Structure formats: structure tokens, C-alpha cells
Amino acid sequence: MDRYNFVFFLEDFFEYNKVIYTEVGKRQNVRSVFGFYPKNKFLRVLFQLQHSKTTNKYFSLPFKSLWFSTYFKNDFADPNKPIVFIFDARWLEYDYMRDYAVWLRKKFPGCKLVANYIDIVATWKESAKPDAIRHLVDLLVSYDKDDAAKYNMECHPTVYSETKITKPNDTPMTDVFFVGAAKNRMQKILEAYDTLEKAGLKCYFYVMDAKPPYNQERSGIHYVEKDVWLSYEKCVQFVQHTKCVLEIMQQGAKGETLRVWEAITYGKMLLTNNQSVKESKFYSSDYVSVISENGDIDVEKIKNFESKPNPFKDQITPEAFLKYIAEKL
């Protein structure tokens, strides 16, 4: 990876991004860019008005290209190295970001562009699906192996690194922790909770946007409205204070999710309904328990588990991802 300079373009409103990518962005040949907001207050307001997602949803405001030179400055220790620009593919849903990708080619001859899909392709707008942006980039990467095969993309797990918590950690201990939006999996979330609670396990589930009849009251489920996110630092605190992290997959998804990386990084058990997890190179029966297709859970395995360092931890870091990108280009 030392032969390239790398730039991550990341959504700034995802606290997760700042937690995971800040440290790697301190390397001499890596920069992490969280949004493109000017520091000057007047320019910031002007920028926000011109780039309003609500307005641009209906019609594209002109002259956004005037901002392109402010998005990123080549201040690397060795500015002559070829640059690899890695986009969160969600950015490329916007026309001005697709124009920016073209602009980068002209501004930095010899640069490489990568689009990284951190959610299943079905959740993307048509404008940023793989076949719509393939001509803009040198490499398409997905965390989901089925999407990677279907759309002819490379496959690499979601990036993760250990979080440095700065706030007091007074989170209570639990046996099983879950966090996520209800999406199309609420029935399975409730079934898992009921099985775990009946076995005497202490659970805390943080569930967003659950709709009737699935937002059923449970003592250990905390329901919140749509977009009421749990801060990522708080999420990590819950992970640190549990025995087991629960993963319930979206329908149609098979790739490893953020819950897998949290369990690996903090030495927790992963309880998952992902039947294909046993095919993953990150699978270990010492750390993973699979919910059977009829919903059975090995509750004794959770009760007897003790947190311990997971040997896969170093394989999912941002540095490991950059090495992978460098090998594929």
C-alpha cells in the first residue's frame, strides 16, 4: 500500500465513519475526508444551500463544480505518488459527485477511483448501482459476496477498528445486545428476544422505526422513531458491556455486517441467523453461535461464554482494506 496515496470520501453524518477512519487518516499516505463543508461560516451556508439534498432531489442546482477544488487538497508528504480515491458508493447517487469523479481524473492524471458498497445494492438509488457507475471507477467493492458475484465486483469485509471511548462508561452489563432498524426483520428480532429472555438471559435491544403490529412491548427492547440513532460511542459501550452481540440479517443479505466486526474486535460472541456464516473465513465456533432455521438458539453457549481476544481482529482494519485495494488495482 506504500506505493499509493489514499483518500477516503465518507459521509460525515455517520458517526461510525469518524470513529473508524480517523486514526488511519493520520498516516502519511492516507486522508479521511468527512463531507466537504468549508470552514468559513458564510461559505458554509452557501455550500449547504447549493448542495441541499432536498432541493437537488427535484432539480440539480448549477455551478457546484466551482467547489470541486475545495473538496480535497494534495498535501501528502509525497504528493507525486499516484492517488487512490475511495468513495462510499452512496456519494455517487448525486450527480455533482459523479461529475467530481470525472474532474478528479483530469486534475490528478494517473489517479485511481474505487466505489465501496457498505450496504446491499438493493438499497441504492439506480444512479449509483454498479452498472450505472462502472465507467467512472477502476474498482467496485462490496461487503456482500452475493452482490459481488451478481454485479461483478470485488468482495472485502466491512472495515472496522477499535474505538477509543472518551466518555464515562456506566453502561450496565447484559448477556445479549442488539441495535438496528426494524426494516424487514422485526418478527425475527422479536422471536430471538423471546427465546433469550425465556432462558433467563438479560437483553438490551435498541430498535429503530418498528411499525405495528411488530412494536410489541418487551422489558428489554427500547423502541425509537425513524432516524433516532444511538450514538456510535454509546453503541460501542453496550458492546463492551455484553457477552454476546446479536445479528439479524436483512432479507436478501448474506455478507458480514457491522455486528460481526464489533464482536471480533471486542472479543464477544456473535449470535446470528446468517446461515452462510460458517462459510466465512472469519467463522470460528469458539466465537460464533448460529440460530437454526427454525429459530432454535444454544442459550447455554451464551451463558458459558467469556470474552477473549479474537485472532481475526487484525484482518478487518482500514489498513488491511487499503492493502487489498492496492493489490487489486
Protein backbone atom coordinates (compact mmCIF):
# COMPACT_ATOMS: atom_id res chain seq x y z
CA MET A 1 0.00 0.00 0.00
CA ASP A 2 3.01 2.32 0.34
CA ARG A 3 3.20 2.95 -3.40
CA TYR A 4 -0.07 4.91 -3.33
CA ASN A 5 -1.59 7.86 -1.52
CA PHE A 6 -5.17 7.12 -0.42
CA VAL A 7 -8.19 9.36 0.11
CA PHE A 8 -11.42 8.14 1.73
CA PHE A 9 -14.52 10.18 0.84
CA LEU A 10 -17.04 9.45 3.59
CA GLU A 11 -20.49 10.59 4.69
CA ASP A 12 -19.96 12.97 7.62
CA PHE A 13 -23.32 12.36 9.33
CA PHE A 14 -22.38 8.74 10.09
CA GLU A 15 -20.58 8.98 13.43
CA TYR A 16 -19.32 5.48 12.72
CA ASN A 17 -17.16 6.81 9.88
CA LYS A 18 -15.35 9.30 12.09
CA VAL A 19 -14.78 6.68 14.76
CA ILE A 20 -13.37 4.08 12.36
CA TYR A 21 -11.43 6.17 9.82
CA THR A 22 -9.92 8.99 11.88
CA GLU A 23 -6.83 7.07 13.04
CA VAL A 24 -5.92 5.66 9.63
CA GLY A 25 -6.31 9.20 8.23
CA LYS A 26 -3.29 10.23 10.33
CA ARG A 27 -0.93 8.08 8.25
CA GLN A 28 1.39 9.97 5.90
CA ASN A 29 -0.22 8.47 2.81
CA VAL A 30 -3.88 8.42 3.91
CA ARG A 31 -6.52 11.14 4.22
CA SER A 32 -10.07 10.72 5.51
CA VAL A 33 -12.49 13.35 4.20
CA PHE A 34 -15.78 13.57 6.11
CA GLY A 35 -18.04 15.67 3.93
CA PHE A 36 -16.99 18.79 2.06
CA TYR A 37 -18.02 21.71 4.24
CA PRO A 38 -16.00 24.98 4.15
CA LYS A 39 -14.73 26.34 7.48
CA ASN A 40 -15.81 29.91 6.69
CA LYS A 41 -19.35 30.36 8.09
CA PHE A 42 -20.69 32.36 5.13
CA LEU A 43 -19.26 29.94 2.58
CA ARG A 44 -20.58 27.04 4.63
CA VAL A 45 -24.15 28.38 4.46
CA LEU A 46 -23.80 28.99 0.72
CA PHE A 47 -22.40 25.49 0.24
CA GLN A 48 -25.24 23.89 2.21
CA LEU A 49 -27.88 25.77 0.22
CA GLN A 50 -26.36 24.78 -3.11
CA HIS A 51 -25.84 21.15 -2.09
CA SER A 52 -29.17 20.69 -0.30
CA LYS A 53 -30.21 17.07 -0.79
CA THR A 54 -33.88 18.06 -0.59
CA THR A 55 -33.58 20.65 -3.37
CA ASN A 56 -31.27 18.58 -5.55
CA LYS A 57 -33.69 15.67 -5.29
CA TYR A 58 -36.05 17.57 -7.59
CA PHE A 59 -33.61 19.52 -9.76
CA SER A 60 -29.85 19.92 -9.81
CA LEU A 61 -28.64 23.37 -8.82
CA PRO A 62 -25.92 24.62 -11.20
CA PHE A 63 -22.27 25.64 -10.61
CA LYS A 64 -21.47 23.07 -7.93
CA SER A 65 -18.27 22.33 -9.84
CA LEU A 66 -16.91 25.67 -8.55
CA TRP A 67 -16.43 23.92 -5.20
CA PHE A 68 -14.52 20.91 -6.53
CA SER A 69 -11.05 22.30 -5.83
CA THR A 70 -12.01 22.75 -2.14
CA TYR A 71 -13.09 19.15 -1.54
CA PHE A 72 -9.56 17.79 -1.32
CA LYS A 73 -6.05 19.27 -1.42
CA ASN A 74 -2.98 17.20 -2.24
CA ASP A 75 -0.96 17.84 0.92
CA PHE A 76 0.61 14.38 1.16
CA ALA A 77 4.20 14.03 2.32
CA ASP A 78 4.98 12.69 -1.17
CA PRO A 79 2.48 14.45 -3.46
CA ASN A 80 3.87 12.72 -6.56
CA LYS A 81 2.61 9.26 -5.65
CA PRO A 82 -0.48 8.15 -7.59
CA ILE A 83 -3.65 8.79 -5.60
CA VAL A 84 -6.41 6.25 -4.96
CA PHE A 85 -9.75 7.93 -4.22
CA ILE A 86 -12.14 5.61 -2.35
CA PHE A 87 -15.78 6.72 -2.42
CA ASP A 88 -18.50 5.49 -0.14
CA ALA A 89 -20.68 4.48 -3.10
CA ARG A 90 -23.64 6.30 -1.54
CA TRP A 91 -21.97 9.57 -2.53
CA LEU A 92 -22.27 8.65 -6.19
CA GLU A 93 -26.06 8.81 -6.04
CA TYR A 94 -25.60 12.58 -6.51
CA ASP A 95 -24.91 13.99 -9.95
CA TYR A 96 -22.34 16.50 -8.71
CA MET A 97 -20.28 13.70 -7.12
CA ARG A 98 -20.29 11.76 -10.38
CA ASP A 99 -19.11 14.97 -12.07
CA TYR A 100 -16.47 15.30 -9.37
CA ALA A 101 -15.18 11.79 -10.15
CA VAL A 102 -14.68 12.89 -13.77
CA TRP A 103 -12.98 16.10 -12.58
CA LEU A 104 -10.54 14.12 -10.40
CA ARG A 105 -9.38 12.15 -13.45
CA LYS A 106 -8.41 15.40 -15.15
CA LYS A 107 -6.95 17.09 -12.07
CA PHE A 108 -4.84 14.11 -10.97
CA PRO A 109 -3.68 12.16 -14.06
CA GLY A 110 -2.96 8.55 -13.23
CA CYS A 111 -5.25 8.50 -10.18
CA LYS A 112 -7.47 5.51 -9.42
CA LEU A 113 -11.10 5.60 -8.29
CA VAL A 114 -12.82 2.99 -6.11
CA ALA A 115 -16.51 2.71 -5.18
CA ASN A 116 -17.15 0.84 -1.92
CA TYR A 117 -20.62 -0.60 -1.23
CA ILE A 118 -21.20 -0.94 2.52
CA ASP A 119 -24.85 -1.99 2.18
CA ILE A 120 -26.64 -4.34 -0.20
CA VAL A 121 -27.08 -2.92 -3.72
CA ALA A 122 -30.88 -3.14 -3.47
CA THR A 123 -30.80 -0.17 -1.04
CA TRP A 124 -29.03 2.13 -3.54
CA LYS A 125 -30.69 4.51 -5.98
CA GLU A 126 -30.43 3.49 -9.63
CA SER A 127 -27.95 6.33 -10.26
CA ALA A 128 -25.31 4.67 -8.05
CA LYS A 129 -25.88 0.99 -8.71
CA PRO A 130 -22.80 -0.81 -10.04
CA ASP A 131 -23.70 -0.84 -13.74
CA ALA A 132 -24.57 2.88 -13.61
CA ILE A 133 -21.15 3.96 -12.28
CA ARG A 134 -18.84 1.21 -13.55
CA HIS A 135 -17.50 3.51 -16.27
CA LEU A 136 -16.48 6.10 -13.66
CA VAL A 137 -14.27 3.93 -11.47
CA ASP A 138 -11.42 1.45 -11.65
CA LEU A 139 -12.71 -0.86 -8.95
CA LEU A 140 -16.09 -1.76 -7.44
CA VAL A 141 -16.04 -3.38 -4.00
CA SER A 142 -18.89 -4.85 -1.93
CA TYR A 143 -19.01 -6.35 1.55
CA ASP A 144 -21.69 -8.79 0.35
CA LYS A 145 -20.41 -11.83 -1.55
CA ASP A 146 -23.70 -12.41 -3.41
CA ASP A 147 -23.79 -8.80 -4.61
CA ALA A 148 -20.13 -9.06 -5.57
CA ALA A 149 -20.83 -12.12 -7.72
CA LYS A 150 -24.07 -10.74 -9.20
CA TYR A 151 -22.60 -7.36 -10.20
CA ASN A 152 -19.04 -8.46 -10.98
CA MET A 153 -17.44 -6.65 -8.05
CA GLU A 154 -14.57 -7.44 -5.71
CA CYS A 155 -15.55 -8.55 -2.21
CA HIS A 156 -13.99 -7.31 1.02
CA PRO A 157 -15.46 -7.21 4.52
CA THR A 158 -16.63 -4.00 6.13
CA VAL A 159 -13.76 -2.04 7.65
CA TYR A 160 -13.52 -1.79 11.42
CA SER A 161 -11.09 -0.67 14.10
CA GLU A 162 -11.19 -0.42 17.87
CA THR A 163 -12.84 2.69 19.26
CA LYS A 164 -11.27 4.95 21.85
CA ILE A 165 -14.12 5.89 24.20
CA THR A 166 -13.72 9.34 25.75
CA LYS A 167 -16.94 9.50 27.78
CA PRO A 168 -17.57 7.79 31.17
CA ASN A 169 -18.69 4.22 30.62
CA ASP A 170 -21.56 3.49 33.04
CA THR A 171 -23.39 1.08 30.74
CA PRO A 172 -24.96 -1.88 32.60
CA MET A 173 -23.81 -5.41 31.83
CA THR A 174 -26.03 -7.57 29.60
CA ASP A 175 -25.92 -11.05 28.14
CA VAL A 176 -27.11 -10.10 24.64
CA PHE A 177 -27.12 -6.74 22.84
CA PHE A 178 -28.84 -5.81 19.58
CA VAL A 179 -29.02 -2.49 17.74
CA GLY A 180 -30.61 -1.77 14.37
CA ALA A 181 -33.60 -0.61 12.36
CA ALA A 182 -36.62 -2.89 12.19
CA LYS A 183 -36.56 -2.98 8.35
CA ASN A 184 -37.97 -6.31 7.15
CA ARG A 185 -36.76 -8.41 10.08
CA MET A 186 -38.82 -7.34 13.12
CA GLN A 187 -40.60 -10.69 13.51
CA LYS A 188 -37.23 -12.48 13.75
CA ILE A 189 -35.95 -9.87 16.22
CA LEU A 190 -38.94 -10.48 18.50
CA GLU A 191 -38.61 -14.26 18.23
CA ALA A 192 -34.92 -14.11 19.18
CA TYR A 193 -35.65 -11.79 22.12
CA ASP A 194 -38.43 -14.02 23.48
CA THR A 195 -36.24 -17.12 23.30
CA LEU A 196 -33.33 -15.40 25.05
CA GLU A 197 -35.48 -13.82 27.77
CA LYS A 198 -37.28 -17.12 28.47
CA ALA A 199 -33.85 -18.69 29.05
CA GLY A 200 -33.13 -16.08 31.72
CA LEU A 201 -30.66 -14.04 29.70
CA LYS A 202 -30.54 -10.28 30.24
CA CYS A 203 -31.08 -8.48 26.92
CA TYR A 204 -30.98 -4.92 25.67
CA PHE A 205 -32.34 -4.29 22.17
CA TYR A 206 -32.31 -0.80 20.60
CA VAL A 207 -34.75 -0.93 17.69
CA MET A 208 -35.50 1.93 15.32
CA ASP A 209 -38.65 2.51 13.25
CA ALA A 210 -40.66 -0.55 14.29
CA LYS A 211 -44.22 -0.41 12.98
CA PRO A 212 -47.41 -2.03 14.30
CA PRO A 213 -48.04 -4.88 14.87
CA TYR A 214 -44.33 -5.56 15.47
CA ASN A 215 -43.51 -2.82 18.01
CA GLN A 216 -44.62 -5.09 20.81
CA GLU A 217 -43.69 -4.10 24.34
CA ARG A 218 -40.82 -6.02 25.91
CA SER A 219 -38.94 -5.04 29.07
CA GLY A 220 -35.58 -5.23 27.32
CA ILE A 221 -36.50 -3.60 23.99
CA HIS A 222 -36.11 0.15 23.59
CA TYR A 223 -38.10 1.41 20.58
CA VAL A 224 -37.25 4.72 18.91
CA GLU A 225 -38.58 6.64 15.94
CA LYS A 226 -37.02 6.63 12.49
CA ASP A 227 -33.58 8.33 12.35
CA VAL A 228 -33.21 8.47 16.15
CA TRP A 229 -29.74 6.98 16.05
CA LEU A 230 -27.87 5.58 19.02
CA SER A 231 -24.55 7.44 19.17
CA TYR A 232 -21.80 5.17 17.99
CA GLU A 233 -19.72 5.71 21.12
CA LYS A 234 -22.72 4.56 23.17
CA CYS A 235 -23.19 1.59 20.86
CA VAL A 236 -19.59 0.56 21.47
CA GLN A 237 -20.11 0.91 25.22
CA PHE A 238 -23.03 -1.52 25.01
CA VAL A 239 -20.85 -3.94 23.01
CA GLN A 240 -18.07 -3.67 25.58
CA HIS A 241 -20.56 -4.47 28.36
CA THR A 242 -22.22 -7.55 26.90
CA LYS A 243 -21.33 -11.20 26.46
CA CYS A 244 -22.94 -11.55 23.06
CA VAL A 245 -23.79 -9.35 20.05
CA LEU A 246 -26.91 -10.34 18.11
CA GLU A 247 -27.03 -10.07 14.31
CA ILE A 248 -30.36 -10.44 12.49
CA MET A 249 -29.89 -10.19 8.75
CA GLN A 250 -31.95 -8.13 6.32
CA GLN A 251 -33.85 -10.30 3.85
CA GLY A 252 -31.59 -10.94 0.88
CA ALA A 253 -28.31 -10.10 2.64
CA LYS A 254 -25.60 -12.68 3.32
CA GLY A 255 -22.41 -10.68 3.83
CA GLU A 256 -20.89 -9.93 7.21
CA THR A 257 -22.38 -6.88 8.93
CA LEU A 258 -21.03 -4.35 11.41
CA ARG A 259 -22.17 -6.60 14.26
CA VAL A 260 -19.65 -9.24 13.16
CA TRP A 261 -16.75 -6.79 13.31
CA GLU A 262 -17.81 -5.44 16.70
CA ALA A 263 -17.91 -8.96 18.11
CA ILE A 264 -14.49 -9.79 16.64
CA THR A 265 -12.85 -6.54 17.74
CA TYR A 266 -14.07 -6.65 21.32
CA GLY A 267 -13.81 -10.42 21.82
CA LYS A 268 -17.56 -11.06 22.15
CA MET A 269 -19.72 -13.95 20.99
CA LEU A 270 -21.69 -13.38 17.79
CA LEU A 271 -25.22 -14.79 17.73
CA THR A 272 -26.50 -14.69 14.15
CA ASN A 273 -29.25 -16.02 11.90
CA ASN A 274 -26.90 -15.83 8.90
CA GLN A 275 -26.78 -19.48 7.87
CA SER A 276 -23.88 -18.86 5.48
CA VAL A 277 -21.59 -17.51 8.24
CA LYS A 278 -19.95 -20.94 8.53
CA GLU A 279 -18.55 -20.44 5.03
CA SER A 280 -16.87 -17.18 6.07
CA LYS A 281 -13.14 -17.07 6.66
CA PHE A 282 -13.98 -15.18 9.87
CA TYR A 283 -16.02 -18.05 11.31
CA SER A 284 -14.92 -19.77 14.50
CA SER A 285 -17.23 -21.97 16.57
CA ASP A 286 -15.44 -20.58 19.65
CA TYR A 287 -16.91 -17.14 18.96
CA VAL A 288 -20.00 -17.70 16.78
CA SER A 289 -23.37 -19.31 17.51
CA VAL A 290 -25.85 -19.74 14.65
CA ILE A 291 -29.61 -19.53 15.14
CA SER A 292 -31.17 -22.53 13.43
CA GLU A 293 -33.59 -22.05 10.56
CA ASN A 294 -36.50 -22.86 12.89
CA GLY A 295 -35.27 -20.30 15.46
CA ASP A 296 -33.51 -22.52 18.00
CA ILE A 297 -30.70 -20.84 19.99
CA ASP A 298 -27.94 -22.52 22.03
CA VAL A 299 -28.51 -20.42 25.14
CA GLU A 300 -26.07 -22.45 27.26
CA LYS A 301 -23.25 -21.48 24.91
CA ILE A 302 -24.02 -17.80 25.58
CA LYS A 303 -24.26 -18.35 29.34
CA ASN A 304 -20.86 -20.09 29.44
CA PHE A 305 -19.03 -17.69 27.11
CA GLU A 306 -16.24 -15.48 28.45
CA SER A 307 -14.89 -12.52 26.44
CA LYS A 308 -11.41 -13.11 24.98
CA PRO A 309 -9.21 -11.70 22.19
CA ASN A 310 -10.31 -12.81 18.71
CA PRO A 311 -7.46 -13.75 16.30
CA PHE A 312 -9.33 -12.28 13.30
CA LYS A 313 -9.18 -8.74 14.69
CA ASP A 314 -6.20 -7.56 12.61
CA GLN A 315 -7.74 -8.74 9.31
CA ILE A 316 -10.59 -6.19 9.25
CA THR A 317 -8.72 -2.93 9.86
CA PRO A 318 -8.66 0.02 7.43
CA GLU A 319 -5.01 -0.80 6.75
CA ALA A 320 -5.95 -4.34 5.69
CA PHE A 321 -8.56 -2.86 3.31
CA LEU A 322 -6.00 -0.49 1.75
CA LYS A 323 -3.58 -3.37 1.19
CA TYR A 324 -6.38 -5.27 -0.53
CA ILE A 325 -7.21 -2.28 -2.77
CA ALA A 326 -3.54 -1.83 -3.70
CA GLU A 327 -3.28 -5.49 -4.70
CA LYS A 328 -6.40 -5.33 -6.90
CA LEU A 329 -5.52 -2.14 -8.81
